[in-house]
Amino acid sequence: MSSHGGYSHTDGGLACVSAVSLETANELSWMLGERVTADDQTTLLGEWQSDDTRQSISLFEATTETAIIRYRSPFGREHYVGTTLSDAERVRADLDASAVWHRAEK
């Protein structure tokens, strides 16, 4: 599975997920996203699933200032976005408060 394109923007985040709004977002290639999130220096902050459990969002702390968000579509396609850790903390609070997204059990 791959994500095409690669650009930086400051106007949204993951367009396919209305619950995720970011001040700073840098789309990552699938290969880079996989490598960074599998690194033993990266910490999983949480994972949420949609009501139908066919979609998921995972937040990772990559550095003390940087986070990675992985969105897995209903079709299994993964999209990665790099953002600030403070943005990721806001996303975590929004997902916890959402009626559509629920924290996945570890």
C-alpha atoms as a PDB file:
ATOM      1  CA  MET A   1       0.000   0.000   0.000  1.00  0.00           C
ATOM      2  CA  SER A   2       1.314   3.416  -0.779  1.00  0.00           C
ATOM      3  CA  SER A   3       0.429   7.021  -0.474  1.00  0.00           C
ATOM      4  CA  HIS A   4       1.139   9.228  -3.438  1.00  0.00           C
ATOM      5  CA  GLY A   5       2.355  12.777  -3.369  1.00  0.00           C
ATOM      6  CA  GLY A   6       4.275  14.641  -0.800  1.00  0.00           C
ATOM      7  CA  TYR A   7       3.729  18.200   0.207  1.00  0.00           C
ATOM      8  CA  SER A   8       3.640  20.455   3.209  1.00  0.00           C
ATOM      9  CA  HIS A   9       0.619  22.469   4.118  1.00  0.00           C
ATOM     10  CA  THR A  10      -0.827  24.333   7.050  1.00  0.00           C
ATOM     11  CA  ASP A  11      -4.515  24.198   6.260  1.00  0.00           C
ATOM     12  CA  GLY A  12      -6.014  21.021   7.593  1.00  0.00           C
ATOM     13  CA  GLY A  13      -4.262  17.720   8.082  1.00  0.00           C
ATOM     14  CA  LEU A  14      -5.911  14.575   6.819  1.00  0.00           C
ATOM     15  CA  ALA A  15      -8.579  15.677   4.386  1.00  0.00           C
ATOM     16  CA  CYS A  16     -10.248  12.267   4.584  1.00  0.00           C
ATOM     17  CA  VAL A  17     -10.791  12.517   8.374  1.00  0.00           C
ATOM     18  CA  SER A  18     -12.878  15.435   9.596  1.00  0.00           C
ATOM     19  CA  ALA A  19     -11.881  14.773  13.248  1.00  0.00           C
ATOM     20  CA  VAL A  20      -8.238  15.571  12.448  1.00  0.00           C
ATOM     21  CA  SER A  21      -7.418  19.252  12.072  1.00  0.00           C
ATOM     22  CA  LEU A  22      -3.764  20.264  12.150  1.00  0.00           C
ATOM     23  CA  GLU A  23      -1.991  23.606  12.128  1.00  0.00           C
ATOM     24  CA  THR A  24       1.093  22.041  10.540  1.00  0.00           C
ATOM     25  CA  ALA A  25       1.038  18.891   8.440  1.00  0.00           C
ATOM     26  CA  ASN A  26       3.637  17.286   6.206  1.00  0.00           C
ATOM     27  CA  GLU A  27       2.456  14.364   4.152  1.00  0.00           C
ATOM     28  CA  LEU A  28       4.911  11.468   4.283  1.00  0.00           C
ATOM     29  CA  SER A  29       5.380   8.687   1.777  1.00  0.00           C
ATOM     30  CA  TRP A  30       4.122   5.298   2.888  1.00  0.00           C
ATOM     31  CA  MET A  31       7.676   3.931   2.979  1.00  0.00           C
ATOM     32  CA  LEU A  32       8.970   6.723   5.222  1.00  0.00           C
ATOM     33  CA  GLY A  33       5.907   6.555   7.478  1.00  0.00           C
ATOM     34  CA  GLU A  34       6.330   2.800   7.922  1.00  0.00           C
ATOM     35  CA  ARG A  35      10.025   3.112   8.675  1.00  0.00           C
ATOM     36  CA  VAL A  36       9.609   5.911  11.218  1.00  0.00           C
ATOM     37  CA  THR A  37       6.679   4.324  13.073  1.00  0.00           C
ATOM     38  CA  ALA A  38       8.428   0.936  13.261  1.00  0.00           C
ATOM     39  CA  ASP A  39      11.577   2.479  14.756  1.00  0.00           C
ATOM     40  CA  ASP A  40      12.323   1.462  18.347  1.00  0.00           C
ATOM     41  CA  GLN A  41      12.725   5.167  19.217  1.00  0.00           C
ATOM     42  CA  THR A  42       9.100   5.912  18.230  1.00  0.00           C
ATOM     43  CA  THR A  43       6.348   5.625  20.850  1.00  0.00           C
ATOM     44  CA  LEU A  44       2.716   4.770  20.107  1.00  0.00           C
ATOM     45  CA  LEU A  45       0.564   7.402  21.843  1.00  0.00           C
ATOM     46  CA  GLY A  46      -2.760   5.800  21.016  1.00  0.00           C
ATOM     47  CA  GLU A  47      -4.953   4.210  18.403  1.00  0.00           C
ATOM     48  CA  TRP A  48      -8.590   4.927  17.625  1.00  0.00           C
ATOM     49  CA  GLN A  49     -11.102   3.064  15.474  1.00  0.00           C
ATOM     50  CA  SER A  50     -14.233   4.375  13.829  1.00  0.00           C
ATOM     51  CA  ASP A  51     -17.617   3.018  14.850  1.00  0.00           C
ATOM     52  CA  ASP A  52     -17.571   0.570  11.953  1.00  0.00           C
ATOM     53  CA  THR A  53     -13.968  -0.462  12.899  1.00  0.00           C
ATOM     54  CA  ARG A  54     -12.951  -0.297   9.251  1.00  0.00           C
ATOM     55  CA  GLN A  55     -10.884   2.855   9.754  1.00  0.00           C
ATOM     56  CA  SER A  56      -8.217   3.647  12.303  1.00  0.00           C
ATOM     57  CA  ILE A  57      -5.996   6.516  13.368  1.00  0.00           C
ATOM     58  CA  SER A  58      -2.740   5.989  15.249  1.00  0.00           C
ATOM     59  CA  LEU A  59      -0.586   8.676  16.850  1.00  0.00           C
ATOM     60  CA  PHE A  60       3.152   8.214  17.340  1.00  0.00           C
ATOM     61  CA  GLU A  61       5.742  10.360  19.109  1.00  0.00           C
ATOM     62  CA  ALA A  62       8.792  10.378  16.833  1.00  0.00           C
ATOM     63  CA  THR A  63      10.890  12.993  18.682  1.00  0.00           C
ATOM     64  CA  THR A  64      10.324  15.339  21.611  1.00  0.00           C
ATOM     65  CA  GLU A  65       8.759  17.830  19.170  1.00  0.00           C
ATOM     66  CA  THR A  66       7.482  15.660  16.295  1.00  0.00           C
ATOM     67  CA  ALA A  67       4.577  13.276  15.883  1.00  0.00           C
ATOM     68  CA  ILE A  68       3.387  10.981  13.104  1.00  0.00           C
ATOM     69  CA  ILE A  69      -0.280  10.314  12.421  1.00  0.00           C
ATOM     70  CA  ARG A  70      -1.228   7.149  10.511  1.00  0.00           C
ATOM     71  CA  TYR A  71      -4.684   6.887   8.986  1.00  0.00           C
ATOM     72  CA  ARG A  72      -5.793   3.475   7.745  1.00  0.00           C
ATOM     73  CA  SER A  73      -8.722   3.685   5.318  1.00  0.00           C
ATOM     74  CA  PRO A  74     -11.613   1.203   5.138  1.00  0.00           C
ATOM     75  CA  PHE A  75      -9.744  -0.394   2.229  1.00  0.00           C
ATOM     76  CA  GLY A  76      -6.513  -0.874   4.201  1.00  0.00           C
ATOM     77  CA  ARG A  77      -4.615   1.990   2.573  1.00  0.00           C
ATOM     78  CA  GLU A  78      -2.334   3.832   4.991  1.00  0.00           C
ATOM     79  CA  HIS A  79      -1.593   7.562   4.917  1.00  0.00           C
ATOM     80  CA  TYR A  80       1.088   9.193   7.068  1.00  0.00           C
ATOM     81  CA  VAL A  81       1.342  12.803   8.170  1.00  0.00           C
ATOM     82  CA  GLY A  82       4.082  14.411  10.203  1.00  0.00           C
ATOM     83  CA  THR A  83       3.122  17.199  12.600  1.00  0.00           C
ATOM     84  CA  THR A  84       4.135  18.847  15.838  1.00  0.00           C
ATOM     85  CA  LEU A  85       3.693  16.978  19.094  1.00  0.00           C
ATOM     86  CA  SER A  86       1.423  19.765  20.357  1.00  0.00           C
ATOM     87  CA  ASP A  87      -0.859  19.296  17.311  1.00  0.00           C
ATOM     88  CA  ALA A  88      -0.918  15.543  17.976  1.00  0.00           C
ATOM     89  CA  GLU A  89      -1.961  16.183  21.583  1.00  0.00           C
ATOM     90  CA  ARG A  90      -4.895  18.277  20.322  1.00  0.00           C
ATOM     91  CA  VAL A  91      -5.821  15.511  17.881  1.00  0.00           C
ATOM     92  CA  ARG A  92      -5.722  12.991  20.735  1.00  0.00           C
ATOM     93  CA  ALA A  93      -8.114  15.127  22.798  1.00  0.00           C
ATOM     94  CA  ASP A  94     -10.436  15.576  19.783  1.00  0.00           C
ATOM     95  CA  LEU A  95     -10.479  11.834  19.086  1.00  0.00           C
ATOM     96  CA  ASP A  96     -11.148  11.037  22.757  1.00  0.00           C
ATOM     97  CA  ALA A  97     -14.089  13.477  22.707  1.00  0.00           C
ATOM     98  CA  SER A  98     -15.453  12.245  19.369  1.00  0.00           C
ATOM     99  CA  ALA A  99     -18.658  10.240  19.157  1.00  0.00           C
ATOM    100  CA  VAL A 100     -17.383   8.480  16.018  1.00  0.00           C
ATOM    101  CA  TRP A 101     -13.848   7.480  17.086  1.00  0.00           C
ATOM    102  CA  HIS A 102     -13.109   5.151  20.015  1.00  0.00           C
ATOM    103  CA  ARG A 103      -9.779   4.251  21.563  1.00  0.00           C
ATOM    104  CA  ALA A 104      -8.688   0.761  20.519  1.00  0.00           C
ATOM    105  CA  GLU A 105      -7.768  -1.676  23.247  1.00  0.00           C
ATOM    106  CA  LYS A 106      -4.085  -2.531  23.528  1.00  0.00           C
END
